[in-house]
Amino acid sequence: MKDKLTTIIGIGIAACVIFTFLFYLIAKDDIELFDIFTILIIAILVITSLYLIWDRVKNLKAGLTVQDERLKVVGYKAGYYGFIAAIWSAVGSNLGYNLIFDQELRGGLVTASVVLVSGIVFMILYIYYSRKGTLNENKNQRIQSKI
C-alpha cells in the first residue's frame, strides 16, 4: 500500500511540475541564455522523474516492490558519479569559459551548468546501471559463465 501511495503522489507531483513548466514556456516572451539553462534543467528533471515513475508503475503492475536492493545500489552509485561530475563541472565550466571567451561566468550560469551536468550524468548512469547491472555484477557473471 505504501508503494502504491508514493507512486500516486509522485505522479501528482510530476503532473504539477509539467503543468508549471508548460505555463512558464507559454508566458515567456523572449528566451536568453540563462533561460535555456533553466529550461534544460527542468526538462532533465522531468524526464528523469517520468522514467522513475514509469519503472515503479511497471513493477507495481507486475506485483513486485517498486524498488529492490539492487535499484537502491544503482541509485547510490549513479548519485555518487553525479556528485563527482558536479564538482568537476563547477571547476571546468568557469575555467573553460574563461579560456575560450576571456570572461568569467555569472554565478547563476555556473550553478546551472553544475545542475545540468550532474543531472545528465545521474540520468544516463541510472538508466545504464538499472538495465545492465553494476560493473561488478557483470564481471561476476562473465567469470561464472567461463567456468
Protein backbone atom coordinates (compact mmCIF):
# COMPACT_ATOMS: atom_id res chain seq x y z
CA MET A 1 0.00 0.00 0.00
CA LYS A 2 2.87 2.34 0.83
CA ASP A 3 4.46 1.73 -2.58
CA LYS A 4 1.19 2.49 -4.34
CA LEU A 5 0.65 5.70 -2.36
CA THR A 6 4.17 7.02 -3.02
CA THR A 7 3.80 6.25 -6.71
CA ILE A 8 0.47 8.10 -6.90
CA ILE A 9 1.95 11.08 -5.06
CA GLY A 10 4.93 11.03 -7.46
CA ILE A 11 2.60 11.04 -10.46
CA GLY A 12 0.70 14.01 -8.99
CA ILE A 13 3.88 15.98 -8.34
CA ALA A 14 5.21 15.21 -11.82
CA ALA A 15 1.93 16.39 -13.38
CA CYS A 16 2.09 19.66 -11.40
CA VAL A 17 5.71 20.23 -12.48
CA ILE A 18 4.87 19.58 -16.14
CA PHE A 19 1.88 21.93 -15.96
CA THR A 20 4.00 24.67 -14.35
CA PHE A 21 6.78 24.11 -16.90
CA LEU A 22 4.35 24.47 -19.81
CA PHE A 23 2.86 27.59 -18.22
CA TYR A 24 6.39 29.04 -17.88
CA LEU A 25 7.15 28.36 -21.54
CA ILE A 26 3.89 29.93 -22.71
CA ALA A 27 4.31 33.04 -20.54
CA LYS A 28 7.96 33.68 -21.54
CA ASP A 29 8.30 36.42 -24.19
CA ASP A 30 11.97 36.13 -25.12
CA ILE A 31 14.44 33.41 -24.24
CA GLU A 32 18.00 34.25 -23.18
CA LEU A 33 20.99 32.00 -22.48
CA PHE A 34 20.16 31.72 -18.79
CA ASP A 35 16.58 30.76 -19.68
CA ILE A 36 17.84 27.96 -21.93
CA PHE A 37 19.79 26.53 -18.99
CA THR A 38 16.70 26.77 -16.82
CA ILE A 39 14.57 25.00 -19.44
CA LEU A 40 17.17 22.25 -19.85
CA ILE A 41 17.39 21.71 -16.09
CA ILE A 42 13.63 21.39 -15.78
CA ALA A 43 13.44 19.10 -18.82
CA ILE A 44 16.12 16.79 -17.39
CA LEU A 45 14.37 16.64 -14.03
CA VAL A 46 11.00 15.91 -15.67
CA ILE A 47 12.40 13.22 -17.97
CA THR A 48 14.25 11.52 -15.11
CA SER A 49 11.23 11.60 -12.82
CA LEU A 50 8.94 10.26 -15.57
CA TYR A 51 11.34 7.37 -16.19
CA LEU A 52 11.48 6.55 -12.47
CA ILE A 53 7.69 6.73 -12.16
CA TRP A 54 7.24 4.55 -15.25
CA ASP A 55 9.65 1.98 -13.80
CA ARG A 56 7.81 1.97 -10.47
CA VAL A 57 4.39 1.61 -12.11
CA LYS A 58 5.73 -1.27 -14.21
CA ASN A 59 6.96 -3.00 -11.04
CA LEU A 60 3.64 -2.41 -9.27
CA LYS A 61 1.69 -3.93 -12.16
CA ALA A 62 3.96 -6.97 -12.06
CA GLY A 63 3.28 -7.36 -8.34
CA LEU A 64 6.83 -6.52 -7.29
CA THR A 65 8.11 -3.90 -4.88
CA VAL A 66 8.75 -0.54 -6.51
CA GLN A 67 12.41 -0.54 -5.52
CA ASP A 68 14.52 -3.52 -4.53
CA GLU A 69 18.02 -3.60 -3.06
CA ARG A 70 19.69 -3.63 -6.47
CA LEU A 71 17.91 -0.46 -7.59
CA LYS A 72 18.88 1.24 -4.34
CA VAL A 73 22.54 0.42 -5.01
CA VAL A 74 22.13 1.61 -8.60
CA GLY A 75 20.70 4.91 -7.35
CA TYR A 76 23.52 5.35 -4.85
CA LYS A 77 26.18 4.57 -7.44
CA ALA A 78 24.70 6.87 -10.09
CA GLY A 79 24.29 9.57 -7.43
CA TYR A 80 27.95 9.24 -6.44
CA TYR A 81 29.14 9.68 -10.01
CA GLY A 82 26.69 12.56 -10.46
CA PHE A 83 28.20 14.23 -7.38
CA ILE A 84 31.73 13.82 -8.76
CA ALA A 85 30.57 15.27 -12.08
CA ALA A 86 29.00 18.22 -10.23
CA ILE A 87 32.27 19.04 -8.50
CA TRP A 88 34.31 18.92 -11.68
CA SER A 89 31.71 20.80 -13.72
CA ALA A 90 31.84 23.66 -11.19
CA VAL A 91 35.55 23.96 -11.82
CA GLY A 92 35.53 23.14 -15.52
CA SER A 93 32.66 25.32 -16.69
CA ASN A 94 34.12 28.57 -15.38
CA LEU A 95 37.67 27.63 -16.40
CA GLY A 96 36.62 26.59 -19.90
CA TYR A 97 34.54 29.70 -20.43
CA ASN A 98 37.42 31.83 -19.16
CA LEU A 99 39.89 30.18 -21.56
CA ILE A 100 37.59 30.46 -24.57
CA PHE A 101 35.98 33.89 -24.09
CA ASP A 102 38.40 35.53 -21.59
CA GLN A 103 35.50 36.27 -19.22
CA GLU A 104 34.09 34.69 -16.12
CA LEU A 105 30.65 33.13 -15.95
CA ARG A 106 27.98 34.60 -13.73
CA GLY A 107 27.28 32.61 -10.62
CA GLY A 108 23.86 31.58 -11.84
CA LEU A 109 25.28 30.09 -15.04
CA VAL A 110 27.90 28.13 -13.08
CA THR A 111 25.14 26.79 -10.85
CA ALA A 112 23.07 25.91 -13.92
CA SER A 113 25.98 24.06 -15.51
CA VAL A 114 26.59 22.11 -12.28
CA VAL A 115 22.94 21.04 -12.09
CA LEU A 116 22.81 20.20 -15.81
CA VAL A 117 25.97 18.11 -15.86
CA SER A 118 25.22 16.25 -12.63
CA GLY A 119 21.63 15.64 -13.73
CA ILE A 120 22.67 14.30 -17.12
CA VAL A 121 25.35 12.06 -15.61
CA PHE A 122 22.92 10.72 -12.99
CA MET A 123 20.20 10.07 -15.55
CA ILE A 124 22.47 8.28 -18.01
CA LEU A 125 24.20 6.16 -15.37
CA TYR A 126 20.97 5.27 -13.56
CA ILE A 127 19.42 4.03 -16.78
CA TYR A 128 22.62 2.21 -17.76
CA TYR A 129 23.13 0.51 -14.39
CA SER A 130 19.46 -0.38 -13.98
CA ARG A 131 19.42 -2.08 -17.38
CA LYS A 132 22.88 -3.65 -17.40
CA GLY A 133 23.57 -4.02 -13.68
CA THR A 134 26.62 -2.73 -11.89
CA LEU A 135 30.05 -3.37 -13.31
CA ASN A 136 30.96 -5.83 -10.56
CA GLU A 137 27.83 -7.90 -11.25
CA ASN A 138 28.75 -8.05 -14.96
CA LYS A 139 32.29 -9.18 -14.13
CA ASN A 140 30.98 -11.89 -11.81
CA GLN A 141 28.56 -13.12 -14.48
CA ARG A 142 31.34 -13.29 -17.08
CA ILE A 143 33.59 -15.18 -14.70
CA GLN A 144 30.84 -17.66 -13.83
CA SER A 145 29.96 -18.20 -17.49
CA LYS A 146 33.58 -19.12 -18.29
CA ILE A 147 33.65 -21.76 -15.55
